[in-house]
Amino acid sequence: MPTVRMSSVRKLSRRAPRVPPLRAPAAAVVLFLALGAGTVLSGCEYSYDDGRGALPVDTSTPVTDAALPRDPLLDLPVSGAELDAWAREVLPDSSGQVVYTDYGTVEEDEETKESTGRLPSGTYALTLACRSERRVSFTVRDSEFALVDLSLRCGTSRVNVVHLSKASVLRITVEARRDANFAVKISRL
């Protein structure tokens, strides 16, 4: 009968490499300490008294959601009585002396040019507004310079303050890529 050789368990255990016990890496310890310090310091706050009181809280007006989209029909140009009503709405009465007011319609890819009478030197407020699906460009020039040159997003009014150093006639150009309504008011301040 053949012989079978058996080894003892002791000999096998001596031959296996010894595995050291697991240790936490240094990076994990540093991360743990940083998170702990961040948690402790997150409750700290710097404040000082600048002598002003608390801001008043106005509870009389309801809070509206600014995320509500605008009605796209408010951007479509109008005519007739609706145009008159829109112009009165976007060009409200001002505290200064109104020296020029105009409103109307500009056809697609067209421009309209208007001129004021001779205005004396001084400071003026130019109120510009439009109603269209696209932006409308306004340029207001005196005899030498462009005082206002902007592309206005319709649905808003824009007030620019300009100073005329000498008596001037202002030339107003309104351009639109789509049909648009425009409104212009110049008031002396």
Protein backbone atom coordinates (compact mmCIF):
# COMPACT_ATOMS: atom_id res chain seq x y z
CA MET A 1 0.00 0.00 0.00
CA PRO A 2 1.27 3.43 -0.81
CA THR A 3 2.10 5.69 2.02
CA VAL A 4 0.58 9.10 2.43
CA ARG A 5 2.60 11.74 4.00
CA MET A 6 0.82 14.25 6.15
CA SER A 7 2.19 17.49 7.35
CA SER A 8 1.34 18.95 10.62
CA VAL A 9 -0.70 22.06 11.03
CA ARG A 10 2.11 23.71 12.92
CA LYS A 11 4.40 23.63 9.94
CA LEU A 12 1.76 25.26 7.70
CA SER A 13 1.07 28.10 10.12
CA ARG A 14 4.77 28.93 10.31
CA ARG A 15 5.05 29.28 6.56
CA ALA A 16 2.18 31.79 6.08
CA PRO A 17 3.23 35.48 6.14
CA ARG A 18 2.07 37.43 9.07
CA VAL A 19 -0.46 40.23 8.35
CA PRO A 20 -0.15 43.31 10.59
CA PRO A 21 -3.37 44.62 12.17
CA LEU A 22 -5.18 47.29 10.12
CA ARG A 23 -4.55 50.95 11.05
CA ALA A 24 -6.54 54.03 9.98
CA PRO A 25 -4.63 56.02 7.33
CA ALA A 26 -3.40 59.43 8.40
CA ALA A 27 -5.58 61.17 5.78
CA ALA A 28 -8.74 59.71 7.31
CA VAL A 29 -7.71 60.98 10.75
CA VAL A 30 -7.01 64.48 9.39
CA LEU A 31 -10.36 64.51 7.56
CA PHE A 32 -12.16 63.44 10.72
CA LEU A 33 -10.50 66.23 12.72
CA ALA A 34 -11.28 68.85 10.01
CA LEU A 35 -14.95 67.84 9.91
CA GLY A 36 -15.13 67.94 13.68
CA ALA A 37 -13.58 71.43 13.79
CA GLY A 38 -15.93 72.62 11.02
CA THR A 39 -18.94 71.40 12.96
CA VAL A 40 -17.78 73.12 16.14
CA LEU A 41 -16.96 76.42 14.36
CA SER A 42 -20.10 76.53 12.19
CA GLY A 43 -22.05 77.99 15.09
CA CYS A 44 -19.72 81.02 15.29
CA GLU A 45 -20.89 84.27 13.78
CA TYR A 46 -19.44 87.76 13.58
CA SER A 47 -21.75 90.65 14.29
CA TYR A 48 -21.35 94.25 15.33
CA ASP A 49 -23.53 97.21 16.14
CA ASP A 50 -23.27 99.96 13.52
CA GLY A 51 -25.70 102.22 15.33
CA ARG A 52 -28.60 101.65 12.92
CA GLY A 53 -31.77 100.04 14.10
CA ALA A 54 -33.39 96.98 12.63
CA LEU A 55 -34.94 97.27 9.17
CA PRO A 56 -38.70 97.86 9.23
CA VAL A 57 -40.87 94.97 8.15
CA ASP A 58 -43.66 95.98 5.79
CA THR A 59 -46.57 93.59 6.22
CA SER A 60 -49.11 95.72 4.36
CA THR A 61 -48.20 94.45 0.88
CA PRO A 62 -48.58 90.79 0.06
CA VAL A 63 -45.52 88.86 -1.02
CA THR A 64 -45.64 87.82 -4.67
CA ASP A 65 -43.81 84.95 -6.26
CA ALA A 66 -41.11 86.37 -8.52
CA ALA A 67 -40.95 83.08 -10.43
CA LEU A 68 -44.33 83.62 -12.08
CA PRO A 69 -43.87 84.18 -15.82
CA ARG A 70 -45.08 87.35 -17.51
CA ASP A 71 -48.15 87.21 -19.70
CA PRO A 72 -46.81 87.05 -23.31
CA LEU A 73 -49.81 89.06 -24.53
CA LEU A 74 -48.45 92.07 -22.64
CA ASP A 75 -45.60 92.19 -25.17
CA LEU A 76 -47.76 92.37 -28.29
CA PRO A 77 -48.05 95.83 -29.88
CA VAL A 78 -51.44 97.56 -29.70
CA SER A 79 -53.11 100.44 -31.53
CA GLY A 80 -55.84 103.03 -31.08
CA ALA A 81 -57.28 103.50 -27.60
CA GLU A 82 -55.16 100.63 -26.23
CA LEU A 83 -51.99 102.42 -27.37
CA ASP A 84 -53.14 105.64 -25.68
CA ALA A 85 -53.88 103.77 -22.43
CA TRP A 86 -50.52 101.96 -22.55
CA ALA A 87 -48.64 105.24 -23.07
CA ARG A 88 -50.40 106.84 -20.08
CA GLU A 89 -49.48 103.80 -17.98
CA VAL A 90 -45.75 103.67 -18.87
CA LEU A 91 -45.25 107.45 -18.88
CA PRO A 92 -46.77 108.47 -15.55
CA ASP A 93 -46.90 112.07 -14.39
CA SER A 94 -43.54 113.29 -13.20
CA SER A 95 -42.58 115.95 -10.72
CA GLY A 96 -40.60 117.95 -13.33
CA GLN A 97 -41.79 120.07 -16.21
CA VAL A 98 -42.61 117.84 -19.22
CA VAL A 99 -41.03 119.36 -22.34
CA TYR A 100 -41.61 116.54 -24.84
CA THR A 101 -43.84 113.45 -25.11
CA ASP A 102 -44.31 111.08 -28.01
CA TYR A 103 -45.52 107.53 -28.54
CA GLY A 104 -46.45 105.43 -31.50
CA THR A 105 -45.72 102.31 -33.53
CA VAL A 106 -42.60 101.19 -35.38
CA GLU A 107 -42.99 98.57 -38.12
CA GLU A 108 -40.74 95.48 -38.33
CA ASP A 109 -37.15 96.31 -39.41
CA GLU A 110 -38.00 100.03 -39.61
CA GLU A 111 -37.00 103.09 -37.65
CA THR A 112 -38.73 106.31 -36.71
CA LYS A 113 -37.01 109.63 -36.13
CA GLU A 114 -38.38 112.46 -34.00
CA SER A 115 -36.97 115.81 -32.89
CA THR A 116 -37.74 117.97 -29.89
CA GLY A 117 -37.97 121.71 -30.02
CA ARG A 118 -34.96 123.70 -28.85
CA LEU A 119 -34.38 122.83 -25.19
CA PRO A 120 -32.51 125.22 -22.89
CA SER A 121 -29.40 124.01 -21.08
CA GLY A 122 -30.12 122.05 -17.92
CA THR A 123 -30.76 118.57 -16.56
CA TYR A 124 -33.47 116.36 -18.06
CA ALA A 125 -35.00 112.96 -17.33
CA LEU A 126 -35.64 110.81 -20.43
CA THR A 127 -38.23 108.11 -19.88
CA LEU A 128 -38.20 105.37 -22.55
CA ALA A 129 -40.56 102.40 -22.87
CA CYS A 130 -41.52 99.82 -25.48
CA ARG A 131 -43.98 97.04 -26.13
CA SER A 132 -42.82 94.24 -28.44
CA GLU A 133 -41.79 90.60 -28.52
CA ARG A 134 -38.17 91.71 -29.08
CA ARG A 135 -35.91 94.49 -27.84
CA VAL A 136 -36.24 98.00 -29.22
CA SER A 137 -33.25 100.31 -29.76
CA PHE A 138 -33.39 103.95 -28.66
CA THR A 139 -30.81 106.58 -29.59
CA VAL A 140 -31.08 110.17 -28.30
CA ARG A 141 -28.55 112.65 -29.70
CA ASP A 142 -27.87 116.33 -29.38
CA SER A 143 -25.97 118.17 -32.12
CA GLU A 144 -22.66 116.53 -31.14
CA PHE A 145 -23.06 113.37 -29.06
CA ALA A 146 -25.25 110.33 -28.49
CA LEU A 147 -26.64 111.00 -25.02
CA VAL A 148 -28.52 107.70 -24.82
CA ASP A 149 -27.89 104.60 -26.95
CA LEU A 150 -29.55 101.48 -25.61
CA SER A 151 -31.43 98.35 -26.55
CA LEU A 152 -34.38 98.16 -24.17
CA ARG A 153 -36.07 94.93 -23.13
CA CYS A 154 -39.75 95.59 -23.63
CA GLY A 155 -42.12 95.41 -20.70
CA THR A 156 -39.99 97.78 -18.62
CA SER A 157 -39.47 101.54 -18.56
CA ARG A 158 -36.05 103.13 -18.43
CA VAL A 159 -35.26 106.59 -17.06
CA ASN A 160 -31.98 108.24 -18.03
CA VAL A 161 -30.79 111.57 -16.66
CA VAL A 162 -28.84 113.77 -19.07
CA HIS A 163 -27.36 117.24 -18.78
CA LEU A 164 -27.35 119.67 -21.70
CA SER A 165 -24.51 122.16 -21.35
CA LYS A 166 -26.03 124.42 -24.01
CA ALA A 167 -29.41 124.85 -25.69
CA SER A 168 -29.97 121.89 -28.01
CA VAL A 169 -32.45 120.07 -30.21
CA LEU A 170 -32.60 116.38 -29.34
CA ARG A 171 -33.01 113.83 -32.14
CA ILE A 172 -34.65 110.56 -31.10
CA THR A 173 -34.34 107.40 -33.22
CA VAL A 174 -36.36 104.27 -32.43
CA GLU A 175 -35.54 101.00 -34.25
CA ALA A 176 -37.24 97.61 -33.97
CA ARG A 177 -36.73 94.17 -35.53
CA ARG A 178 -40.37 93.31 -34.89
CA ASP A 179 -43.50 95.47 -34.78
CA ALA A 180 -43.32 97.54 -31.62
CA ASN A 181 -44.90 100.36 -29.66
CA PHE A 182 -42.63 103.01 -28.17
CA ALA A 183 -43.09 105.86 -25.73
CA VAL A 184 -40.73 108.74 -24.93
CA LYS A 185 -41.06 111.52 -22.36
CA ILE A 186 -38.52 114.24 -21.57
CA SER A 187 -38.92 116.21 -18.35
CA ARG A 188 -36.83 119.05 -17.01
CA LEU A 189 -35.53 118.43 -13.51
